[in-house]
């Protein structure tokens, strides 16, 4: 391996390790799991160094794509009920600047999270990438291996469904401590906390 590739990897690691760790932390139940996922992400990146983009701005979505794969392996075999408990216990510390501007207080945040987790996996994933990871349409397209127009349509529809779910929950009577049940769908590989 030439020193240029090593320098590219070293630079990507220094620039994006904390970003990948945060990405993993928001999608796992523990800091240790997140650190394992971030470490494995960079181990895979090292093995695929010849595929790493040389452009710094291209490296983040490329690393997130690897992290998604590592997370998928991490979550394989876990039950959905356990994952939902983990999600609800770790999402509360989400930074205020990442929350939707329309969410006024903590109870609204809880309602928004419940609405998010009531959506199907594809909607959740694209919303998490757009809102929590603050990725652009082009970056999401790279992470999800989709076309930009496809991402735009999916994101628009996911936002519409989230808004509809959120508004319908506001119409339901509130019961203290009640968490709306999550609809059973396929495996979820990505969930976050800012731990």
N, C-alpha and C. Protein backbone atom coordinates (compact mmCIF):
# COMPACT_ATOMS: atom_id res chain seq x y z
N UNK A 1 0.85 -1.18 0.00
CA UNK A 1 0.00 0.00 0.00
C UNK A 1 0.89 1.23 0.00
N UNK A 2 0.53 2.20 -0.82
CA UNK A 2 1.36 3.40 -0.88
C UNK A 2 1.02 4.35 0.27
N UNK A 3 1.95 5.26 0.53
CA UNK A 3 1.78 6.18 1.65
C UNK A 3 0.63 7.15 1.40
N UNK A 4 0.30 7.41 0.14
CA UNK A 4 -0.83 8.29 -0.17
C UNK A 4 -2.14 7.72 0.32
N UNK A 5 -2.34 6.40 0.15
CA UNK A 5 -3.55 5.74 0.61
C UNK A 5 -3.61 5.76 2.14
N UNK A 6 -2.47 5.53 2.77
CA UNK A 6 -2.42 5.57 4.24
C UNK A 6 -2.75 6.96 4.74
N UNK A 7 -2.21 7.98 4.08
CA UNK A 7 -2.50 9.36 4.48
C UNK A 7 -3.97 9.69 4.30
N UNK A 8 -4.58 9.20 3.20
CA UNK A 8 -6.01 9.42 2.96
C UNK A 8 -6.83 8.78 4.06
N UNK A 9 -6.47 7.54 4.41
CA UNK A 9 -7.19 6.84 5.47
C UNK A 9 -7.02 7.56 6.80
N UNK A 10 -5.81 7.93 7.13
CA UNK A 10 -5.52 8.61 8.40
C UNK A 10 -6.33 9.92 8.49
N UNK A 11 -6.34 10.66 7.40
CA UNK A 11 -7.08 11.92 7.37
C UNK A 11 -8.59 11.67 7.55
N UNK A 12 -9.12 10.65 6.86
CA UNK A 12 -10.55 10.32 6.99
C UNK A 12 -10.87 9.89 8.42
N UNK A 13 -9.98 9.12 9.02
CA UNK A 13 -10.19 8.67 10.39
C UNK A 13 -10.23 9.86 11.34
N UNK A 14 -9.27 10.76 11.21
CA UNK A 14 -9.22 11.93 12.09
C UNK A 14 -10.42 12.85 11.87
N UNK A 15 -10.85 12.97 10.64
CA UNK A 15 -11.97 13.85 10.32
C UNK A 15 -13.32 13.25 10.72
N UNK A 16 -13.50 11.95 10.50
CA UNK A 16 -14.83 11.36 10.59
C UNK A 16 -15.03 10.32 11.68
N UNK A 17 -14.02 9.98 12.46
CA UNK A 17 -14.24 8.96 13.49
C UNK A 17 -15.37 9.38 14.43
N UNK A 18 -15.31 10.60 14.95
CA UNK A 18 -16.35 11.05 15.90
C UNK A 18 -17.72 11.13 15.23
N UNK A 19 -17.75 11.47 13.96
CA UNK A 19 -19.01 11.55 13.22
C UNK A 19 -19.61 10.14 13.08
N UNK A 20 -18.77 9.17 12.72
CA UNK A 20 -19.24 7.78 12.59
C UNK A 20 -19.65 7.24 13.96
N UNK A 21 -18.88 7.58 15.00
CA UNK A 21 -19.23 7.14 16.36
C UNK A 21 -20.58 7.72 16.76
N UNK A 22 -20.83 8.98 16.47
CA UNK A 22 -22.14 9.59 16.79
C UNK A 22 -23.25 8.91 16.00
N UNK A 23 -22.99 8.64 14.72
CA UNK A 23 -23.94 7.92 13.86
C UNK A 23 -24.31 6.58 14.51
N UNK A 24 -23.30 5.85 14.96
CA UNK A 24 -23.52 4.54 15.59
C UNK A 24 -24.17 4.68 16.96
N UNK A 25 -23.76 5.68 17.73
CA UNK A 25 -24.30 5.88 19.08
C UNK A 25 -25.79 6.14 19.03
N UNK A 26 -26.23 6.91 18.05
CA UNK A 26 -27.65 7.21 17.94
C UNK A 26 -28.47 6.01 17.46
N UNK A 27 -27.80 4.95 17.06
CA UNK A 27 -28.50 3.78 16.55
C UNK A 27 -28.28 2.52 17.39
N UNK A 28 -27.65 2.66 18.53
CA UNK A 28 -27.40 1.50 19.38
C UNK A 28 -27.80 1.79 20.81
N UNK A 29 -27.79 0.74 21.63
CA UNK A 29 -28.23 0.87 23.01
C UNK A 29 -27.10 1.25 23.96
N UNK A 30 -25.86 1.08 23.55
CA UNK A 30 -24.77 1.36 24.48
C UNK A 30 -23.58 2.00 23.77
N UNK A 31 -22.81 2.72 24.55
CA UNK A 31 -21.60 3.36 24.02
C UNK A 31 -20.62 2.30 23.54
N UNK A 32 -20.53 1.19 24.25
CA UNK A 32 -19.61 0.12 23.85
C UNK A 32 -19.99 -0.45 22.48
N UNK A 33 -21.27 -0.67 22.25
CA UNK A 33 -21.72 -1.16 20.94
C UNK A 33 -21.37 -0.14 19.85
N UNK A 34 -21.60 1.14 20.16
CA UNK A 34 -21.30 2.19 19.17
C UNK A 34 -19.81 2.22 18.85
N UNK A 35 -18.98 2.09 19.86
CA UNK A 35 -17.53 2.09 19.63
C UNK A 35 -17.11 0.88 18.80
N UNK A 36 -17.72 -0.27 19.07
CA UNK A 36 -17.43 -1.46 18.26
C UNK A 36 -17.82 -1.24 16.81
N UNK A 37 -18.98 -0.64 16.60
CA UNK A 37 -19.47 -0.41 15.24
C UNK A 37 -18.58 0.60 14.52
N UNK A 38 -18.21 1.66 15.21
CA UNK A 38 -17.32 2.66 14.60
C UNK A 38 -15.97 2.02 14.27
N UNK A 39 -15.44 1.23 15.19
CA UNK A 39 -14.17 0.56 14.93
C UNK A 39 -14.25 -0.39 13.75
N UNK A 40 -15.32 -1.17 13.69
CA UNK A 40 -15.49 -2.10 12.58
C UNK A 40 -15.69 -1.36 11.26
N UNK A 41 -16.38 -0.23 11.31
CA UNK A 41 -16.56 0.58 10.11
C UNK A 41 -15.21 0.99 9.54
N UNK A 42 -14.33 1.45 10.39
CA UNK A 42 -13.01 1.87 9.90
C UNK A 42 -12.13 0.67 9.55
N UNK A 43 -12.37 -0.47 10.18
CA UNK A 43 -11.63 -1.68 9.77
C UNK A 43 -12.03 -2.08 8.35
N UNK A 44 -13.32 -2.02 8.06
CA UNK A 44 -13.79 -2.32 6.71
C UNK A 44 -13.25 -1.28 5.73
N UNK A 45 -13.28 -0.01 6.15
CA UNK A 45 -12.75 1.05 5.29
C UNK A 45 -11.28 0.81 4.98
N UNK A 46 -10.54 0.36 5.96
CA UNK A 46 -9.11 0.07 5.74
C UNK A 46 -8.93 -1.06 4.72
N UNK A 47 -9.77 -2.09 4.86
CA UNK A 47 -9.68 -3.22 3.91
C UNK A 47 -10.10 -2.80 2.51
N UNK A 48 -10.94 -1.77 2.42
CA UNK A 48 -11.42 -1.29 1.12
C UNK A 48 -10.79 0.06 0.75
N UNK A 49 -9.60 0.30 1.26
CA UNK A 49 -8.95 1.60 1.08
C UNK A 49 -8.86 2.01 -0.39
N UNK A 50 -8.72 1.02 -1.27
CA UNK A 50 -8.62 1.35 -2.69
C UNK A 50 -9.94 1.92 -3.26
N UNK A 51 -11.03 1.73 -2.51
CA UNK A 51 -12.33 2.26 -2.94
C UNK A 51 -12.69 3.58 -2.24
N UNK A 52 -11.90 3.96 -1.24
CA UNK A 52 -12.21 5.18 -0.49
C UNK A 52 -12.08 6.41 -1.38
N UNK A 53 -13.11 7.26 -1.39
CA UNK A 53 -13.02 8.48 -2.19
C UNK A 53 -11.89 9.38 -1.68
N UNK A 54 -11.17 9.98 -2.59
CA UNK A 54 -10.10 10.88 -2.21
C UNK A 54 -10.62 12.23 -1.75
N UNK A 55 -11.79 12.60 -2.23
CA UNK A 55 -12.42 13.88 -1.87
C UNK A 55 -13.00 13.76 -0.47
N UNK A 56 -12.61 14.65 0.43
CA UNK A 56 -13.03 14.59 1.84
C UNK A 56 -14.55 14.58 1.98
N UNK A 57 -15.26 15.41 1.23
CA UNK A 57 -16.71 15.49 1.35
C UNK A 57 -17.41 14.23 0.86
N UNK A 58 -16.75 13.43 0.04
CA UNK A 58 -17.31 12.18 -0.45
C UNK A 58 -17.10 11.04 0.56
N UNK A 59 -16.20 11.22 1.50
CA UNK A 59 -15.86 10.15 2.44
C UNK A 59 -16.96 9.90 3.47
N UNK A 60 -17.63 10.97 3.91
CA UNK A 60 -18.67 10.81 4.94
C UNK A 60 -19.79 9.87 4.49
N UNK A 61 -20.43 10.10 3.33
CA UNK A 61 -21.48 9.17 2.92
C UNK A 61 -20.94 7.76 2.66
N UNK A 62 -19.70 7.67 2.17
CA UNK A 62 -19.09 6.36 1.93
C UNK A 62 -18.93 5.62 3.26
N UNK A 63 -18.46 6.30 4.28
CA UNK A 63 -18.31 5.69 5.60
C UNK A 63 -19.66 5.35 6.22
N UNK A 64 -20.68 6.21 6.05
CA UNK A 64 -22.01 5.91 6.56
C UNK A 64 -22.58 4.67 5.87
N UNK A 65 -22.29 4.50 4.60
CA UNK A 65 -22.75 3.32 3.88
C UNK A 65 -22.15 2.06 4.50
N UNK A 66 -20.87 2.12 4.83
CA UNK A 66 -20.23 0.98 5.50
C UNK A 66 -20.83 0.78 6.89
N UNK A 67 -21.03 1.88 7.62
CA UNK A 67 -21.58 1.80 8.97
C UNK A 67 -22.98 1.16 8.96
N UNK A 68 -23.77 1.48 7.95
CA UNK A 68 -25.10 0.85 7.82
C UNK A 68 -24.98 -0.66 7.70
N UNK A 69 -24.03 -1.10 6.92
CA UNK A 69 -23.81 -2.53 6.74
C UNK A 69 -23.38 -3.17 8.07
N UNK A 70 -22.46 -2.53 8.76
CA UNK A 70 -21.98 -3.04 10.05
C UNK A 70 -23.12 -3.07 11.05
N UNK A 71 -23.93 -2.02 11.08
CA UNK A 71 -25.09 -2.00 11.97
C UNK A 71 -26.08 -3.11 11.65
N UNK A 72 -26.29 -3.35 10.37
CA UNK A 72 -27.19 -4.42 9.96
C UNK A 72 -26.73 -5.75 10.53
N UNK A 73 -25.46 -6.01 10.45
CA UNK A 73 -24.92 -7.24 11.03
C UNK A 73 -25.09 -7.24 12.54
N UNK A 74 -24.89 -6.09 13.16
CA UNK A 74 -25.01 -5.97 14.62
C UNK A 74 -26.42 -6.31 15.08
N UNK A 75 -27.41 -5.86 14.35
CA UNK A 75 -28.79 -6.05 14.76
C UNK A 75 -29.41 -7.38 14.33
N UNK A 76 -28.73 -8.09 13.47
CA UNK A 76 -29.29 -9.35 12.99
C UNK A 76 -29.55 -10.28 14.17
N UNK A 77 -30.72 -10.87 14.21
CA UNK A 77 -31.04 -11.84 15.24
C UNK A 77 -31.68 -11.25 16.49
N UNK A 78 -31.71 -9.93 16.62
CA UNK A 78 -32.34 -9.33 17.81
C UNK A 78 -33.84 -9.17 17.57
N UNK A 79 -34.61 -9.29 18.61
CA UNK A 79 -36.06 -9.13 18.46
C UNK A 79 -36.44 -7.67 18.35
N UNK A 80 -37.51 -7.40 17.64
CA UNK A 80 -37.96 -6.02 17.46
C UNK A 80 -38.42 -5.40 18.78
N UNK A 81 -38.99 -6.16 19.64
CA UNK A 81 -39.45 -5.60 20.92
C UNK A 81 -38.27 -5.06 21.73
N UNK A 82 -37.19 -5.81 21.78
CA UNK A 82 -36.00 -5.34 22.50
C UNK A 82 -35.43 -4.09 21.86
N UNK A 83 -35.39 -4.06 20.54
CA UNK A 83 -34.85 -2.88 19.85
C UNK A 83 -35.69 -1.65 20.14
N UNK A 84 -37.01 -1.79 20.16
CA UNK A 84 -37.85 -0.63 20.42
C UNK A 84 -37.60 -0.10 21.82
N UNK A 85 -37.46 -0.98 22.79
CA UNK A 85 -37.16 -0.54 24.16
C UNK A 85 -35.84 0.23 24.20
N UNK A 86 -34.84 -0.29 23.50
CA UNK A 86 -33.55 0.39 23.45
C UNK A 86 -33.69 1.77 22.82
N UNK A 87 -34.44 1.81 21.72
CA UNK A 87 -34.60 3.08 21.01
C UNK A 87 -35.25 4.13 21.88
N UNK A 88 -36.33 3.76 22.52
CA UNK A 88 -37.06 4.73 23.33
C UNK A 88 -36.25 5.17 24.53
N UNK A 89 -35.36 4.31 25.01
CA UNK A 89 -34.56 4.69 26.17
C UNK A 89 -33.38 5.57 25.80
N UNK A 90 -32.96 5.57 24.54
CA UNK A 90 -31.76 6.32 24.18
C UNK A 90 -32.00 7.51 23.27
N UNK A 91 -33.21 7.72 22.80
CA UNK A 91 -33.41 8.83 21.87
C UNK A 91 -33.69 10.15 22.57
N UNK A 92 -34.09 10.16 23.81
CA UNK A 92 -34.43 11.40 24.49
C UNK A 92 -33.34 12.45 24.48
N UNK A 93 -32.04 12.10 24.58
CA UNK A 93 -31.01 13.14 24.61
C UNK A 93 -30.73 13.81 23.27
N UNK A 94 -31.55 13.60 22.25
CA UNK A 94 -31.30 14.20 20.95
C UNK A 94 -31.12 15.70 21.09
N UNK A 95 -30.09 16.28 20.46
CA UNK A 95 -29.88 17.72 20.59
C UNK A 95 -31.06 18.52 20.05
N UNK A 96 -31.34 19.62 20.71
CA UNK A 96 -32.50 20.44 20.34
C UNK A 96 -32.39 20.94 18.91
N UNK A 97 -31.16 21.25 18.45
CA UNK A 97 -31.03 21.79 17.10
C UNK A 97 -31.38 20.76 16.04
N UNK A 98 -31.37 19.46 16.40
CA UNK A 98 -31.71 18.42 15.43
C UNK A 98 -33.21 18.17 15.39
N UNK A 99 -33.93 18.69 16.36
CA UNK A 99 -35.37 18.46 16.41
C UNK A 99 -36.07 19.33 15.39
N UNK A 100 -37.22 18.87 14.97
CA UNK A 100 -38.04 19.65 14.04
C UNK A 100 -38.41 20.98 14.69
N UNK A 101 -38.33 22.05 13.91
CA UNK A 101 -38.60 23.39 14.45
C UNK A 101 -40.01 23.50 15.01
N UNK A 102 -40.94 22.61 14.55
CA UNK A 102 -42.30 22.67 15.03
C UNK A 102 -42.51 21.98 16.36
N UNK A 103 -41.49 21.36 16.89
CA UNK A 103 -41.63 20.64 18.15
C UNK A 103 -41.32 21.61 19.28
N UNK A 104 -42.32 21.92 20.08
CA UNK A 104 -42.21 22.99 21.07
C UNK A 104 -41.64 22.55 22.41
N UNK A 105 -41.98 21.37 22.90
CA UNK A 105 -41.53 20.97 24.23
C UNK A 105 -41.23 19.47 24.25
N UNK A 106 -40.84 18.99 25.43
CA UNK A 106 -40.43 17.59 25.57
C UNK A 106 -41.56 16.62 25.26
N UNK A 107 -42.80 16.96 25.62
CA UNK A 107 -43.91 16.06 25.32
C UNK A 107 -44.13 15.99 23.81
N UNK A 108 -43.96 17.11 23.12
CA UNK A 108 -44.06 17.10 21.66
C UNK A 108 -42.94 16.26 21.06
N UNK A 109 -41.74 16.35 21.63
CA UNK A 109 -40.62 15.54 21.16
C UNK A 109 -40.94 14.06 21.32
N UNK A 110 -41.48 13.69 22.47
CA UNK A 110 -41.84 12.29 22.68
C UNK A 110 -42.89 11.84 21.67
N UNK A 111 -43.89 12.69 21.42
CA UNK A 111 -44.91 12.37 20.42
C UNK A 111 -44.29 12.22 19.03
N UNK A 112 -43.35 13.11 18.71
CA UNK A 112 -42.69 13.04 17.40
C UNK A 112 -41.88 11.76 17.27
N UNK A 113 -41.18 11.38 18.33
CA UNK A 113 -40.41 10.13 18.30
C UNK A 113 -41.32 8.92 18.16
N UNK A 114 -42.44 8.95 18.88
CA UNK A 114 -43.40 7.84 18.77
C UNK A 114 -43.95 7.77 17.35
N UNK A 115 -44.22 8.92 16.76
CA UNK A 115 -44.71 8.95 15.38
C UNK A 115 -43.64 8.40 14.44
N UNK A 116 -42.41 8.80 14.65
CA UNK A 116 -41.31 8.31 13.81
C UNK A 116 -41.19 6.80 13.89
N UNK A 117 -41.22 6.26 15.12
CA UNK A 117 -41.03 4.83 15.28
C UNK A 117 -42.26 4.01 14.89
N UNK A 118 -43.39 4.69 14.64
CA UNK A 118 -44.58 4.00 14.14
C UNK A 118 -44.54 3.84 12.62
N UNK A 119 -43.62 4.55 11.97
CA UNK A 119 -43.48 4.44 10.52
C UNK A 119 -42.73 3.17 10.15
N UNK A 120 -42.78 2.80 8.87
CA UNK A 120 -42.02 1.62 8.47
C UNK A 120 -40.53 1.97 8.41
N UNK A 121 -39.72 0.92 8.32
CA UNK A 121 -38.25 1.06 8.40
C UNK A 121 -37.68 2.00 7.36
N UNK A 122 -38.17 1.91 6.13
CA UNK A 122 -37.63 2.75 5.07
C UNK A 122 -37.86 4.22 5.34
N UNK A 123 -39.06 4.55 5.83
CA UNK A 123 -39.35 5.93 6.18
C UNK A 123 -38.45 6.38 7.34
N UNK A 124 -38.33 5.54 8.35
CA UNK A 124 -37.47 5.89 9.50
C UNK A 124 -36.05 6.15 9.05
N UNK A 125 -35.51 5.25 8.25
CA UNK A 125 -34.12 5.36 7.84
C UNK A 125 -33.84 6.66 7.09
N UNK A 126 -34.68 6.98 6.14
CA UNK A 126 -34.43 8.18 5.34
C UNK A 126 -34.62 9.44 6.17
N UNK A 127 -35.58 9.43 7.09
CA UNK A 127 -35.77 10.59 7.96
C UNK A 127 -34.61 10.76 8.93
N UNK A 128 -34.11 9.66 9.47
CA UNK A 128 -32.96 9.74 10.38
C UNK A 128 -31.73 10.29 9.67
N UNK A 129 -31.51 9.83 8.45
CA UNK A 129 -30.36 10.33 7.69
C UNK A 129 -30.51 11.82 7.37
N UNK A 130 -31.71 12.23 7.03
CA UNK A 130 -31.93 13.64 6.66
C UNK A 130 -31.95 14.56 7.88
N UNK A 131 -32.67 14.17 8.92
CA UNK A 131 -32.87 15.07 10.06
C UNK A 131 -31.79 14.95 11.12
N UNK A 132 -31.42 13.74 11.49
CA UNK A 132 -30.45 13.58 12.57
C UNK A 132 -29.01 13.64 12.07
N UNK A 133 -28.77 13.05 10.92
CA UNK A 133 -27.40 13.06 10.37
C UNK A 133 -27.15 14.28 9.50
N UNK A 134 -28.23 14.99 9.16
CA UNK A 134 -28.16 16.21 8.35
C UNK A 134 -27.45 15.99 7.01
N UNK A 135 -27.77 14.86 6.37
CA UNK A 135 -27.21 14.57 5.06
C UNK A 135 -28.05 15.22 3.97
N UNK A 136 -27.40 15.58 2.89
CA UNK A 136 -28.10 16.13 1.73
C UNK A 136 -28.76 14.99 0.94
N UNK A 137 -29.59 15.36 -0.01
CA UNK A 137 -30.22 14.37 -0.89
C UNK A 137 -29.14 13.54 -1.59
N UNK A 138 -28.10 14.20 -2.09
CA UNK A 138 -27.03 13.50 -2.80
C UNK A 138 -26.30 12.53 -1.86
N UNK A 139 -26.06 12.96 -0.63
CA UNK A 139 -25.36 12.09 0.33
C UNK A 139 -26.23 10.90 0.73
N UNK A 140 -27.52 11.15 0.94
CA UNK A 140 -28.44 10.05 1.26
C UNK A 140 -28.48 9.05 0.11
N UNK A 141 -28.50 9.56 -1.10
CA UNK A 141 -28.51 8.68 -2.28
C UNK A 141 -27.29 7.76 -2.27
N UNK A 142 -26.14 8.30 -1.91
CA UNK A 142 -24.92 7.47 -1.85
C UNK A 142 -24.99 6.46 -0.72
N UNK A 143 -25.46 6.89 0.45
CA UNK A 143 -25.54 5.99 1.61
C UNK A 143 -26.52 4.85 1.33
N UNK A 144 -27.66 5.16 0.73
CA UNK A 144 -28.70 4.16 0.51
C UNK A 144 -28.61 3.47 -0.85
N UNK A 145 -27.65 3.89 -1.66
CA UNK A 145 -27.48 3.31 -3.01
C UNK A 145 -28.75 3.47 -3.85
N UNK A 146 -29.26 4.71 -3.84
CA UNK A 146 -30.45 5.06 -4.60
C UNK A 146 -30.13 6.25 -5.49
N UNK A 147 -31.02 6.53 -6.44
CA UNK A 147 -30.86 7.73 -7.26
C UNK A 147 -31.35 8.95 -6.47
N UNK A 148 -30.87 10.11 -6.84
CA UNK A 148 -31.29 11.34 -6.16
C UNK A 148 -32.79 11.57 -6.29
N UNK A 149 -33.38 11.40 -7.50
CA UNK A 149 -34.83 11.59 -7.58
C UNK A 149 -35.61 10.62 -6.69
N UNK A 150 -35.13 9.39 -6.60
CA UNK A 150 -35.78 8.40 -5.74
C UNK A 150 -35.72 8.85 -4.28
N UNK A 151 -34.56 9.35 -3.85
CA UNK A 151 -34.42 9.83 -2.48
C UNK A 151 -35.36 11.02 -2.24
N UNK A 152 -35.41 11.94 -3.18
CA UNK A 152 -36.29 13.12 -3.03
C UNK A 152 -37.74 12.70 -2.83
N UNK A 153 -38.20 11.77 -3.65
CA UNK A 153 -39.59 11.31 -3.56
C UNK A 153 -39.81 10.58 -2.23
N UNK A 154 -38.90 9.66 -1.89
CA UNK A 154 -39.05 8.91 -0.63
C UNK A 154 -39.04 9.84 0.58
N UNK A 155 -38.13 10.82 0.56
CA UNK A 155 -38.04 11.74 1.70
C UNK A 155 -39.32 12.59 1.81
N UNK A 156 -39.81 13.08 0.68
CA UNK A 156 -41.04 13.86 0.69
C UNK A 156 -42.19 13.03 1.26
N UNK A 157 -42.33 11.81 0.79
CA UNK A 157 -43.42 10.95 1.26
C UNK A 157 -43.25 10.58 2.73
N UNK A 158 -42.01 10.32 3.16
CA UNK A 158 -41.75 9.98 4.56
C UNK A 158 -42.09 11.15 5.47
N UNK A 159 -41.74 12.36 5.05
CA UNK A 159 -42.07 13.54 5.85
C UNK A 159 -43.59 13.72 5.93
N UNK A 160 -44.27 13.49 4.83
CA UNK A 160 -45.73 13.61 4.82
C UNK A 160 -46.35 12.59 5.78
N UNK A 161 -45.87 11.32 5.71
CA UNK A 161 -46.41 10.29 6.60
C UNK A 161 -46.09 10.58 8.06
N UNK A 162 -44.89 11.11 8.32
CA UNK A 162 -44.53 11.46 9.69
C UNK A 162 -45.45 12.56 10.22
N UNK A 163 -45.66 13.58 9.41
CA UNK A 163 -46.54 14.68 9.81
C UNK A 163 -47.95 14.15 10.09
N UNK A 164 -48.47 13.29 9.21
CA UNK A 164 -49.82 12.74 9.38
C UNK A 164 -49.90 11.90 10.65
N UNK A 165 -48.89 11.07 10.89
CA UNK A 165 -48.87 10.23 12.09
C UNK A 165 -48.79 11.09 13.34
N UNK A 166 -47.94 12.11 13.32
CA UNK A 166 -47.77 13.02 14.46
C UNK A 166 -49.10 13.73 14.76
N UNK A 167 -49.74 14.25 13.72
CA UNK A 167 -51.00 14.97 13.93
C UNK A 167 -52.11 14.04 14.42
N UNK A 168 -52.12 12.79 13.93
CA UNK A 168 -53.15 11.85 14.39
C UNK A 168 -52.93 11.48 15.86
N UNK A 169 -51.66 11.39 16.27
CA UNK A 169 -51.36 11.09 17.67
C UNK A 169 -51.80 12.24 18.58
N UNK A 170 -51.70 13.46 18.09
CA UNK A 170 -52.12 14.61 18.90
C UNK A 170 -53.62 14.60 19.14
N UNK A 171 -54.37 13.94 18.23
CA UNK A 171 -55.82 13.86 18.37
C UNK A 171 -56.24 12.77 19.36
N UNK A 172 -55.32 11.82 19.64
CA UNK A 172 -55.64 10.73 20.56
C UNK A 172 -55.54 11.22 22.00
N UNK A 173 -56.39 10.66 22.89
CA UNK A 173 -56.28 11.05 24.30
C UNK A 173 -54.93 10.59 24.86
N UNK A 174 -54.30 11.45 25.66
CA UNK A 174 -53.00 11.13 26.26
C UNK A 174 -53.18 10.35 27.54
N UNK A 175 -52.37 9.32 27.71
CA UNK A 175 -52.33 8.55 28.94
C UNK A 175 -50.90 8.66 29.44
N UNK A 176 -50.73 9.12 30.66
CA UNK A 176 -49.38 9.33 31.20
C UNK A 176 -48.57 8.04 31.13
N UNK A 177 -47.39 8.15 30.57
CA UNK A 177 -46.48 7.01 30.50
C UNK A 177 -46.80 6.02 29.40
N UNK A 178 -47.85 6.26 28.63
CA UNK A 178 -48.24 5.31 27.58
C UNK A 178 -47.38 5.50 26.34
N UNK A 179 -46.88 4.41 25.84
CA UNK A 179 -46.11 4.43 24.60
C UNK A 179 -46.93 3.70 23.55
N UNK A 180 -47.30 4.39 22.46
CA UNK A 180 -48.09 3.72 21.43
C UNK A 180 -47.35 2.50 20.88
N UNK A 181 -48.06 1.40 20.62
CA UNK A 181 -47.38 0.21 20.10
C UNK A 181 -46.82 0.45 18.72
N UNK A 182 -45.71 -0.21 18.44
CA UNK A 182 -45.07 -0.07 17.13
C UNK A 182 -45.57 -1.19 16.25
N UNK A 183 -45.89 -0.85 15.04
CA UNK A 183 -46.34 -1.82 14.05
C UNK A 183 -45.19 -2.75 13.72
N UNK A 184 -45.43 -4.03 13.62
CA UNK A 184 -44.38 -5.00 13.31
C UNK A 184 -44.06 -4.95 11.84
N UNK A 185 -42.78 -4.70 11.52
CA UNK A 185 -42.28 -4.75 10.16
C UNK A 185 -40.98 -5.51 10.19
N UNK A 186 -40.20 -5.48 9.11
CA UNK A 186 -38.94 -6.21 9.03
C UNK A 186 -37.89 -5.67 9.96
N UNK A 187 -36.66 -6.18 9.85
CA UNK A 187 -35.56 -5.78 10.71
C UNK A 187 -35.20 -4.31 10.55
N UNK A 188 -34.86 -3.68 11.64
CA UNK A 188 -34.39 -2.30 11.63
C UNK A 188 -32.91 -2.34 11.97
N UNK A 189 -32.08 -1.74 11.10
CA UNK A 189 -30.64 -1.77 11.35
C UNK A 189 -30.13 -0.51 11.99
N UNK A 190 -30.91 0.57 11.96
CA UNK A 190 -30.34 1.82 12.37
C UNK A 190 -31.26 2.60 13.30
N UNK A 191 -30.81 2.81 14.50
CA UNK A 191 -31.51 3.67 15.44
C UNK A 191 -30.47 4.40 16.24
N UNK A 192 -30.82 5.59 16.78
CA UNK A 192 -29.80 6.46 17.32
C UNK A 192 -30.09 6.99 18.72
N UNK A 193 -29.05 7.32 19.36
CA UNK A 193 -29.07 8.18 20.55
C UNK A 193 -27.83 9.02 20.49
N UNK A 194 -27.80 10.09 21.21
CA UNK A 194 -26.59 10.90 21.19
C UNK A 194 -25.69 10.60 22.37
N UNK A 195 -26.13 9.70 23.28
CA UNK A 195 -25.40 9.23 24.43
C UNK A 195 -24.21 9.96 24.75
